[in-house]
Amino acid sequence: MKAIYCTLTILVASLFTITSTAQNFTCDQLTITSIGPDEFDVNNTLINIQMGGSNMDFINYPYIPVIWDCNGDSVSSGQVFFFGQIGQTTQGYPVSELSADVCYPITVQFVFGNLDFETDTCLLTYDTSALSVQLIKEDEFTLFPNPTAGDVQLNIAEQLIGTNYTLLDATGRDVLTDKIRSASTTLSLESLPAGVYMLRCTGYTRRIVKD
């Protein structure tokens, strides 16, 4: 019975890739880059999803409602957490904790809306075969401390020096923009009100909590 379920999953994934409508955005432009613990909630797992397209593309209220393991069993779920995602960025989506012995590959249901608030669904597959590459990508862009009461130390790979970063508030408004001039950069958030912010830089997106 589970083998039949897996076959149906493949067919549905192909269907959604064809019918995705958000700004001509297709499911093959979404990629799970890595999976890891959520530093803000030990009961959650972060599914890091890279969005292709251009930096003019935007999807509304994306989230992961369910994850299935290789047997077709539901092993995790999530809720709406972000107001959106921009093209050419990577964003971590919190879901309930994935067991260490979960059966891979997993299938992630990813739901989002277009600019007309019409809902689309994609089914994304993730295996652990490229884990070493994904861990390197995560180490290229780190923040500390987070949450913070003021300053945040941004550490990046050398190849990102000279690129620009943008800090967005919860409404998506740019509140800070500057160029990265060294592998270690201090961001001052002291003048900003408490809340959740998104730091975007060259295809990376990180969440910052200001206490």
C-alpha atoms as a PDB file:
ATOM      1  CA  MET A   1       0.000   0.000   0.000  1.00  0.00           C
ATOM      2  CA  LYS A   2       2.861   2.405   0.832  1.00  0.00           C
ATOM      3  CA  ALA A   3       4.572   1.663  -2.478  1.00  0.00           C
ATOM      4  CA  ILE A   4       1.428   2.804  -4.318  1.00  0.00           C
ATOM      5  CA  TYR A   5       1.432   6.010  -2.253  1.00  0.00           C
ATOM      6  CA  CYS A   6       5.006   6.818  -3.302  1.00  0.00           C
ATOM      7  CA  THR A   7       4.082   6.365  -6.964  1.00  0.00           C
ATOM      8  CA  LEU A   8       1.178   8.784  -6.593  1.00  0.00           C
ATOM      9  CA  THR A   9       3.486  11.334  -4.916  1.00  0.00           C
ATOM     10  CA  ILE A  10       5.722  11.395  -7.986  1.00  0.00           C
ATOM     11  CA  LEU A  11       2.760  11.969 -10.274  1.00  0.00           C
ATOM     12  CA  VAL A  12       1.401  14.804  -8.123  1.00  0.00           C
ATOM     13  CA  ALA A  13       4.821  16.486  -7.994  1.00  0.00           C
ATOM     14  CA  SER A  14       4.989  16.501 -11.778  1.00  0.00           C
ATOM     15  CA  LEU A  15       1.486  17.945 -11.998  1.00  0.00           C
ATOM     16  CA  PHE A  16       2.276  20.863  -9.669  1.00  0.00           C
ATOM     17  CA  THR A  17       5.477  21.659 -11.544  1.00  0.00           C
ATOM     18  CA  ILE A  18       3.414  22.166 -14.683  1.00  0.00           C
ATOM     19  CA  THR A  19       0.574  24.144 -13.121  1.00  0.00           C
ATOM     20  CA  SER A  20       2.434  26.479 -10.735  1.00  0.00           C
ATOM     21  CA  THR A  21       1.155  29.994 -11.450  1.00  0.00           C
ATOM     22  CA  ALA A  22       2.891  32.506  -9.166  1.00  0.00           C
ATOM     23  CA  GLN A  23       4.472  34.984 -11.600  1.00  0.00           C
ATOM     24  CA  ASN A  24       5.379  32.112 -13.986  1.00  0.00           C
ATOM     25  CA  PHE A  25       7.211  30.605 -11.019  1.00  0.00           C
ATOM     26  CA  THR A  26       7.628  26.816 -11.236  1.00  0.00           C
ATOM     27  CA  CYS A  27       8.386  24.234  -8.585  1.00  0.00           C
ATOM     28  CA  ASP A  28      11.725  23.331 -10.150  1.00  0.00           C
ATOM     29  CA  GLN A  29      12.986  26.765  -9.026  1.00  0.00           C
ATOM     30  CA  LEU A  30      12.733  25.641  -5.383  1.00  0.00           C
ATOM     31  CA  THR A  31      15.479  23.494  -3.820  1.00  0.00           C
ATOM     32  CA  ILE A  32      15.983  22.167  -0.299  1.00  0.00           C
ATOM     33  CA  THR A  33      19.620  23.045   0.428  1.00  0.00           C
ATOM     34  CA  SER A  34      19.949  21.635   3.952  1.00  0.00           C
ATOM     35  CA  ILE A  35      18.128  20.472   7.061  1.00  0.00           C
ATOM     36  CA  GLY A  36      19.233  21.288  10.596  1.00  0.00           C
ATOM     37  CA  PRO A  37      18.197  22.237  14.145  1.00  0.00           C
ATOM     38  CA  ASP A  38      16.277  25.444  14.853  1.00  0.00           C
ATOM     39  CA  GLU A  39      18.439  27.604  17.140  1.00  0.00           C
ATOM     40  CA  PHE A  40      15.324  29.387  18.445  1.00  0.00           C
ATOM     41  CA  ASP A  41      13.284  26.288  19.327  1.00  0.00           C
ATOM     42  CA  VAL A  42      14.851  22.925  20.205  1.00  0.00           C
ATOM     43  CA  ASN A  43      11.545  21.235  19.383  1.00  0.00           C
ATOM     44  CA  ASN A  44      11.758  22.351  15.742  1.00  0.00           C
ATOM     45  CA  THR A  45      13.804  21.451  12.659  1.00  0.00           C
ATOM     46  CA  LEU A  46      14.694  24.019   9.970  1.00  0.00           C
ATOM     47  CA  ILE A  47      14.119  23.120   6.319  1.00  0.00           C
ATOM     48  CA  ASN A  48      16.305  25.519   4.318  1.00  0.00           C
ATOM     49  CA  ILE A  49      14.783  26.231   0.903  1.00  0.00           C
ATOM     50  CA  GLN A  50      16.534  28.108  -1.885  1.00  0.00           C
ATOM     51  CA  MET A  51      14.310  30.081  -4.267  1.00  0.00           C
ATOM     52  CA  GLY A  52      15.519  30.659  -7.814  1.00  0.00           C
ATOM     53  CA  GLY A  53      14.059  33.073 -10.332  1.00  0.00           C
ATOM     54  CA  SER A  54      15.075  36.731 -10.091  1.00  0.00           C
ATOM     55  CA  ASN A  55      15.250  39.120  -7.148  1.00  0.00           C
ATOM     56  CA  MET A  56      12.022  40.636  -8.485  1.00  0.00           C
ATOM     57  CA  ASP A  57      10.110  37.398  -7.770  1.00  0.00           C
ATOM     58  CA  PHE A  58       8.167  37.146  -4.517  1.00  0.00           C
ATOM     59  CA  ILE A  59       5.896  34.478  -3.008  1.00  0.00           C
ATOM     60  CA  ASN A  60       3.383  35.213  -0.236  1.00  0.00           C
ATOM     61  CA  TYR A  61       3.136  33.426   3.125  1.00  0.00           C
ATOM     62  CA  PRO A  62       5.086  30.278   2.195  1.00  0.00           C
ATOM     63  CA  TYR A  63       5.133  27.370   4.642  1.00  0.00           C
ATOM     64  CA  ILE A  64       5.508  23.594   4.975  1.00  0.00           C
ATOM     65  CA  PRO A  65       2.261  21.925   6.118  1.00  0.00           C
ATOM     66  CA  VAL A  66       3.546  18.330   6.063  1.00  0.00           C
ATOM     67  CA  ILE A  67       6.625  16.145   5.455  1.00  0.00           C
ATOM     68  CA  TRP A  68       6.492  12.483   4.448  1.00  0.00           C
ATOM     69  CA  ASP A  69       9.312   9.964   4.885  1.00  0.00           C
ATOM     70  CA  CYS A  70      10.446   7.384   2.307  1.00  0.00           C
ATOM     71  CA  ASN A  71       7.599   5.082   3.364  1.00  0.00           C
ATOM     72  CA  GLY A  72       4.933   7.718   2.777  1.00  0.00           C
ATOM     73  CA  ASP A  73       4.300   8.288   6.495  1.00  0.00           C
ATOM     74  CA  SER A  74       3.742  11.817   7.831  1.00  0.00           C
ATOM     75  CA  VAL A  75       6.731  12.659  10.068  1.00  0.00           C
ATOM     76  CA  SER A  76       6.578  16.452  10.560  1.00  0.00           C
ATOM     77  CA  SER A  77       4.455  19.557   9.982  1.00  0.00           C
ATOM     78  CA  GLY A  78       4.724  23.338  10.079  1.00  0.00           C
ATOM     79  CA  GLN A  79       2.700  26.557   9.995  1.00  0.00           C
ATOM     80  CA  VAL A  80       2.927  29.977   8.354  1.00  0.00           C
ATOM     81  CA  PHE A  81       5.910  31.809   9.878  1.00  0.00           C
ATOM     82  CA  PHE A  82       7.157  34.249   7.203  1.00  0.00           C
ATOM     83  CA  PHE A  83       5.316  36.914   5.219  1.00  0.00           C
ATOM     84  CA  GLY A  84       7.135  35.854   2.059  1.00  0.00           C
ATOM     85  CA  GLN A  85      10.329  34.890   0.268  1.00  0.00           C
ATOM     86  CA  ILE A  86      12.240  36.741  -2.441  1.00  0.00           C
ATOM     87  CA  GLY A  87      13.867  35.165  -5.486  1.00  0.00           C
ATOM     88  CA  GLN A  88      17.577  34.252  -5.277  1.00  0.00           C
ATOM     89  CA  THR A  89      17.444  33.777  -1.489  1.00  0.00           C
ATOM     90  CA  THR A  90      17.599  30.843   0.923  1.00  0.00           C
ATOM     91  CA  GLN A  91      15.197  30.772   3.863  1.00  0.00           C
ATOM     92  CA  GLY A  92      14.825  28.379   6.806  1.00  0.00           C
ATOM     93  CA  TYR A  93      11.289  27.089   7.467  1.00  0.00           C
ATOM     94  CA  PRO A  94      10.585  25.734  10.978  1.00  0.00           C
ATOM     95  CA  VAL A  95       8.707  22.431  11.275  1.00  0.00           C
ATOM     96  CA  SER A  96       8.167  20.036  14.168  1.00  0.00           C
ATOM     97  CA  GLU A  97      11.340  18.123  15.003  1.00  0.00           C
ATOM     98  CA  LEU A  98      12.400  15.425  12.556  1.00  0.00           C
ATOM     99  CA  SER A  99      13.533  12.210  14.195  1.00  0.00           C
ATOM    100  CA  ALA A 100      17.240  11.344  13.819  1.00  0.00           C
ATOM    101  CA  ASP A 101      16.279   7.973  12.339  1.00  0.00           C
ATOM    102  CA  VAL A 102      13.779   9.354   9.791  1.00  0.00           C
ATOM    103  CA  CYS A 103      13.698   7.360   6.548  1.00  0.00           C
ATOM    104  CA  TYR A 104      15.168   9.290   3.572  1.00  0.00           C
ATOM    105  CA  PRO A 105      14.477  10.570   0.987  1.00  0.00           C
ATOM    106  CA  ILE A 106      11.743  12.749   2.443  1.00  0.00           C
ATOM    107  CA  THR A 107       9.042  14.613   0.523  1.00  0.00           C
ATOM    108  CA  VAL A 108       8.256  18.169   1.651  1.00  0.00           C
ATOM    109  CA  GLN A 109       4.932  19.807   0.789  1.00  0.00           C
ATOM    110  CA  PHE A 110       5.582  23.523   0.196  1.00  0.00           C
ATOM    111  CA  VAL A 111       2.604  25.903  -0.059  1.00  0.00           C
ATOM    112  CA  PHE A 112       2.761  29.551  -1.147  1.00  0.00           C
ATOM    113  CA  GLY A 113       0.634  32.295  -2.714  1.00  0.00           C
ATOM    114  CA  ASN A 114       1.194  34.500  -5.763  1.00  0.00           C
ATOM    115  CA  LEU A 115       0.592  38.255  -5.951  1.00  0.00           C
ATOM    116  CA  ASP A 116      -3.133  37.599  -6.441  1.00  0.00           C
ATOM    117  CA  PHE A 117      -3.074  35.449  -3.270  1.00  0.00           C
ATOM    118  CA  GLU A 118      -3.867  32.332  -5.286  1.00  0.00           C
ATOM    119  CA  THR A 119      -2.372  29.273  -3.564  1.00  0.00           C
ATOM    120  CA  ASP A 120       0.114  26.916  -5.184  1.00  0.00           C
ATOM    121  CA  THR A 121       1.696  23.704  -3.890  1.00  0.00           C
ATOM    122  CA  CYS A 122       5.037  22.060  -4.665  1.00  0.00           C
ATOM    123  CA  LEU A 123       6.414  18.703  -3.543  1.00  0.00           C
ATOM    124  CA  LEU A 124      10.165  18.865  -2.885  1.00  0.00           C
ATOM    125  CA  THR A 125      12.405  15.847  -2.340  1.00  0.00           C
ATOM    126  CA  TYR A 126      15.476  15.791  -0.106  1.00  0.00           C
ATOM    127  CA  ASP A 127      18.110  13.101   0.433  1.00  0.00           C
ATOM    128  CA  THR A 128      21.202  13.151   2.670  1.00  0.00           C
ATOM    129  CA  SER A 129      23.664  12.227  -0.095  1.00  0.00           C
ATOM    130  CA  ALA A 130      24.919  15.843  -0.503  1.00  0.00           C
ATOM    131  CA  LEU A 131      25.104  16.599   3.242  1.00  0.00           C
ATOM    132  CA  SER A 132      28.787  17.609   3.284  1.00  0.00           C
ATOM    133  CA  VAL A 133      28.218  20.263   0.590  1.00  0.00           C
ATOM    134  CA  GLN A 134      25.188  21.654   2.428  1.00  0.00           C
ATOM    135  CA  LEU A 135      27.063  21.991   5.724  1.00  0.00           C
ATOM    136  CA  ILE A 136      29.744  24.077   4.006  1.00  0.00           C
ATOM    137  CA  LYS A 137      27.071  26.412   2.667  1.00  0.00           C
ATOM    138  CA  GLU A 138      25.628  26.894   6.162  1.00  0.00           C
ATOM    139  CA  ASP A 139      29.074  27.801   7.568  1.00  0.00           C
ATOM    140  CA  GLU A 140      29.518  30.537   4.966  1.00  0.00           C
ATOM    141  CA  PHE A 141      26.973  32.829   6.621  1.00  0.00           C
ATOM    142  CA  THR A 142      26.583  32.888  10.435  1.00  0.00           C
ATOM    143  CA  LEU A 143      25.275  35.357  13.021  1.00  0.00           C
ATOM    144  CA  PHE A 144      26.066  35.722  16.740  1.00  0.00           C
ATOM    145  CA  PRO A 145      24.527  36.431  19.200  1.00  0.00           C
ATOM    146  CA  ASN A 146      21.000  35.731  18.030  1.00  0.00           C
ATOM    147  CA  PRO A 147      18.682  36.793  19.701  1.00  0.00           C
ATOM    148  CA  THR A 148      20.462  40.067  20.437  1.00  0.00           C
ATOM    149  CA  ALA A 149      19.885  43.205  22.461  1.00  0.00           C
ATOM    150  CA  GLY A 150      22.084  45.316  20.190  1.00  0.00           C
ATOM    151  CA  ASP A 151      25.022  44.292  18.021  1.00  0.00           C
ATOM    152  CA  VAL A 152      25.208  41.166  15.845  1.00  0.00           C
ATOM    153  CA  GLN A 153      28.442  39.701  14.520  1.00  0.00           C
ATOM    154  CA  LEU A 154      28.112  38.561  10.898  1.00  0.00           C
ATOM    155  CA  ASN A 155      30.733  36.035   9.748  1.00  0.00           C
ATOM    156  CA  ILE A 156      30.888  35.156   6.052  1.00  0.00           C
ATOM    157  CA  ALA A 157      33.045  33.328   3.529  1.00  0.00           C
ATOM    158  CA  GLU A 158      35.744  35.440   1.864  1.00  0.00           C
ATOM    159  CA  GLN A 159      34.060  35.195  -1.554  1.00  0.00           C
ATOM    160  CA  LEU A 160      31.112  37.185  -0.176  1.00  0.00           C
ATOM    161  CA  ILE A 161      33.260  40.202   0.792  1.00  0.00           C
ATOM    162  CA  GLY A 162      32.218  43.218  -1.265  1.00  0.00           C
ATOM    163  CA  THR A 163      28.584  42.153  -1.628  1.00  0.00           C
ATOM    164  CA  ASN A 164      25.663  44.114  -0.199  1.00  0.00           C
ATOM    165  CA  TYR A 165      23.317  43.075   2.585  1.00  0.00           C
ATOM    166  CA  THR A 166      19.800  44.275   3.435  1.00  0.00           C
ATOM    167  CA  LEU A 167      17.938  44.026   6.736  1.00  0.00           C
ATOM    168  CA  LEU A 168      14.131  43.835   6.448  1.00  0.00           C
ATOM    169  CA  ASP A 169      11.563  44.260   9.209  1.00  0.00           C
ATOM    170  CA  ALA A 170       8.466  42.089   9.648  1.00  0.00           C
ATOM    171  CA  THR A 171       6.559  44.115   7.032  1.00  0.00           C
ATOM    172  CA  GLY A 172       9.270  43.579   4.396  1.00  0.00           C
ATOM    173  CA  ARG A 173      10.544  47.175   4.608  1.00  0.00           C
ATOM    174  CA  ASP A 174      14.299  47.801   4.218  1.00  0.00           C
ATOM    175  CA  VAL A 175      15.634  49.209   7.499  1.00  0.00           C
ATOM    176  CA  LEU A 176      19.386  48.809   6.913  1.00  0.00           C
ATOM    177  CA  THR A 177      21.508  48.384   3.774  1.00  0.00           C
ATOM    178  CA  ASP A 178      25.287  48.349   3.504  1.00  0.00           C
ATOM    179  CA  LYS A 179      28.284  46.590   1.922  1.00  0.00           C
ATOM    180  CA  ILE A 180      30.209  43.738   3.568  1.00  0.00           C
ATOM    181  CA  ARG A 181      33.837  44.872   3.793  1.00  0.00           C
ATOM    182  CA  SER A 182      35.419  42.004   5.737  1.00  0.00           C
ATOM    183  CA  ALA A 183      34.819  38.371   6.718  1.00  0.00           C
ATOM    184  CA  SER A 184      33.609  39.581  10.130  1.00  0.00           C
ATOM    185  CA  THR A 185      31.163  42.505  10.229  1.00  0.00           C
ATOM    186  CA  THR A 186      29.287  44.040  13.165  1.00  0.00           C
ATOM    187  CA  LEU A 187      25.667  45.025  12.580  1.00  0.00           C
ATOM    188  CA  SER A 188      24.205  47.526  15.046  1.00  0.00           C
ATOM    189  CA  LEU A 189      20.498  46.992  15.785  1.00  0.00           C
ATOM    190  CA  GLU A 190      20.398  49.207  18.895  1.00  0.00           C
ATOM    191  CA  SER A 191      18.266  51.896  17.227  1.00  0.00           C
ATOM    192  CA  LEU A 192      15.697  49.368  15.944  1.00  0.00           C
ATOM    193  CA  PRO A 193      12.608  48.305  17.898  1.00  0.00           C
ATOM    194  CA  ALA A 194      12.349  44.774  19.289  1.00  0.00           C
ATOM    195  CA  GLY A 195      11.035  42.209  16.832  1.00  0.00           C
ATOM    196  CA  VAL A 196      11.955  39.729  14.113  1.00  0.00           C
ATOM    197  CA  TYR A 197      14.101  40.842  11.171  1.00  0.00           C
ATOM    198  CA  MET A 198      15.370  39.135   8.015  1.00  0.00           C
ATOM    199  CA  LEU A 199      18.959  39.670   6.847  1.00  0.00           C
ATOM    200  CA  ARG A 200      19.396  39.096   3.099  1.00  0.00           C
ATOM    201  CA  CYS A 201      22.744  38.806   1.325  1.00  0.00           C
ATOM    202  CA  THR A 202      23.656  37.234  -2.047  1.00  0.00           C
ATOM    203  CA  GLY A 203      21.193  34.356  -2.006  1.00  0.00           C
ATOM    204  CA  TYR A 204      21.237  33.875   1.771  1.00  0.00           C
ATOM    205  CA  THR A 205      18.488  34.810   4.222  1.00  0.00           C
ATOM    206  CA  ARG A 206      18.837  34.675   7.999  1.00  0.00           C
ATOM    207  CA  ARG A 207      16.334  35.499  10.738  1.00  0.00           C
ATOM    208  CA  ILE A 208      17.443  37.865  13.535  1.00  0.00           C
ATOM    209  CA  VAL A 209      15.518  38.402  16.760  1.00  0.00           C
ATOM    210  CA  LYS A 210      15.987  41.766  18.492  1.00  0.00           C
ATOM    211  CA  ASP A 211      15.047  41.638  22.189  1.00  0.00           C
END
